[in-house]
Amino acid sequence: MPMVQITMLEGRTADQKRKIAKRITDVLVEEAGTRRDAIVIAFHEVSKESYASAGELIIDKTPK
């Protein structure tokens, strides 16, 4: 059973996550021969205060 975990900044809509989940599922079915009902996708959303890139918090990189 493939388990895909996606960590991203919070703020995506449920519709955006539905589309992401469908496309990732489609790829695993097509390319890995996995059964659709065996694929699990978990979205982990983090705030800009809890995510850093290149040593800086994202909130500090975002124009205010």
C-alpha atoms as a PDB file:
ATOM      1  CA  MET A   1       0.000   0.000   0.000  1.00  0.00           C
ATOM      2  CA  PRO A   2       1.720   3.212  -1.121  1.00  0.00           C
ATOM      3  CA  MET A   3       1.575   6.038   1.422  1.00  0.00           C
ATOM      4  CA  VAL A   4       2.293   9.485  -0.003  1.00  0.00           C
ATOM      5  CA  GLN A   5       2.871  12.328   2.442  1.00  0.00           C
ATOM      6  CA  ILE A   6       2.749  15.893   1.196  1.00  0.00           C
ATOM      7  CA  THR A   7       4.023  18.707   3.392  1.00  0.00           C
ATOM      8  CA  MET A   8       3.176  22.184   2.192  1.00  0.00           C
ATOM      9  CA  LEU A   9       2.319  25.622   3.427  1.00  0.00           C
ATOM     10  CA  GLU A  10      -1.252  25.978   4.615  1.00  0.00           C
ATOM     11  CA  GLY A  11      -3.773  27.783   2.481  1.00  0.00           C
ATOM     12  CA  ARG A  12      -4.754  25.382  -0.316  1.00  0.00           C
ATOM     13  CA  THR A  13      -8.457  24.790  -0.814  1.00  0.00           C
ATOM     14  CA  ALA A  14     -10.135  21.410  -0.517  1.00  0.00           C
ATOM     15  CA  ASP A  15     -10.671  21.486  -4.294  1.00  0.00           C
ATOM     16  CA  GLN A  16      -6.946  22.009  -4.916  1.00  0.00           C
ATOM     17  CA  LYS A  17      -6.110  19.075  -2.621  1.00  0.00           C
ATOM     18  CA  ARG A  18      -8.695  16.881  -4.379  1.00  0.00           C
ATOM     19  CA  LYS A  19      -7.017  17.602  -7.722  1.00  0.00           C
ATOM     20  CA  ILE A  20      -3.531  16.949  -6.327  1.00  0.00           C
ATOM     21  CA  ALA A  21      -4.657  13.666  -4.756  1.00  0.00           C
ATOM     22  CA  LYS A  22      -6.302  12.519  -7.997  1.00  0.00           C
ATOM     23  CA  ARG A  23      -3.256  13.280 -10.144  1.00  0.00           C
ATOM     24  CA  ILE A  24      -0.810  11.593  -7.772  1.00  0.00           C
ATOM     25  CA  THR A  25      -3.100   8.577  -7.538  1.00  0.00           C
ATOM     26  CA  ASP A  26      -3.409   8.411 -11.326  1.00  0.00           C
ATOM     27  CA  VAL A  27       0.396   8.426 -11.722  1.00  0.00           C
ATOM     28  CA  LEU A  28       0.883   5.617  -9.192  1.00  0.00           C
ATOM     29  CA  VAL A  29      -1.801   3.531 -10.894  1.00  0.00           C
ATOM     30  CA  GLU A  30      -0.381   4.135 -14.364  1.00  0.00           C
ATOM     31  CA  GLU A  31       3.351   3.980 -13.651  1.00  0.00           C
ATOM     32  CA  ALA A  32       3.639   1.654 -10.663  1.00  0.00           C
ATOM     33  CA  GLY A  33       0.709  -0.639 -11.373  1.00  0.00           C
ATOM     34  CA  THR A  34      -0.750   0.066  -7.947  1.00  0.00           C
ATOM     35  CA  ARG A  35      -4.412  -0.531  -7.201  1.00  0.00           C
ATOM     36  CA  ARG A  36      -6.254   2.776  -6.828  1.00  0.00           C
ATOM     37  CA  ASP A  37      -7.929   1.703  -3.594  1.00  0.00           C
ATOM     38  CA  ALA A  38      -4.554   0.859  -2.026  1.00  0.00           C
ATOM     39  CA  ILE A  39      -3.125   4.369  -2.316  1.00  0.00           C
ATOM     40  CA  VAL A  40      -3.210   6.676   0.710  1.00  0.00           C
ATOM     41  CA  ILE A  41      -2.270  10.346   0.549  1.00  0.00           C
ATOM     42  CA  ALA A  42      -1.821  12.528   3.636  1.00  0.00           C
ATOM     43  CA  PHE A  43      -1.579  16.308   3.501  1.00  0.00           C
ATOM     44  CA  HIS A  44       0.442  17.953   6.263  1.00  0.00           C
ATOM     45  CA  GLU A  45      -0.021  21.696   6.274  1.00  0.00           C
ATOM     46  CA  VAL A  46       2.359  23.962   8.127  1.00  0.00           C
ATOM     47  CA  SER A  47       2.245  27.665   8.854  1.00  0.00           C
ATOM     48  CA  LYS A  48       4.773  30.128   7.462  1.00  0.00           C
ATOM     49  CA  GLU A  49       6.141  30.406  11.017  1.00  0.00           C
ATOM     50  CA  SER A  50       6.823  26.651  11.078  1.00  0.00           C
ATOM     51  CA  TYR A  51       8.545  26.252   7.702  1.00  0.00           C
ATOM     52  CA  ALA A  52      12.038  27.360   6.738  1.00  0.00           C
ATOM     53  CA  SER A  53      14.000  27.408   3.500  1.00  0.00           C
ATOM     54  CA  ALA A  54      17.671  28.287   3.076  1.00  0.00           C
ATOM     55  CA  GLY A  55      17.924  28.924   6.802  1.00  0.00           C
ATOM     56  CA  GLU A  56      15.115  31.476   6.937  1.00  0.00           C
ATOM     57  CA  LEU A  57      11.540  31.157   8.092  1.00  0.00           C
ATOM     58  CA  ILE A  58       9.124  31.536   5.201  1.00  0.00           C
ATOM     59  CA  ILE A  59       7.269  34.258   7.094  1.00  0.00           C
ATOM     60  CA  ASP A  60      10.484  36.331   7.062  1.00  0.00           C
ATOM     61  CA  LYS A  61      10.806  35.939   3.287  1.00  0.00           C
ATOM     62  CA  THR A  62       7.218  36.960   2.568  1.00  0.00           C
ATOM     63  CA  PRO A  63       6.616  40.636   1.862  1.00  0.00           C
ATOM     64  CA  LYS A  64       4.449  42.189   4.556  1.00  0.00           C
END
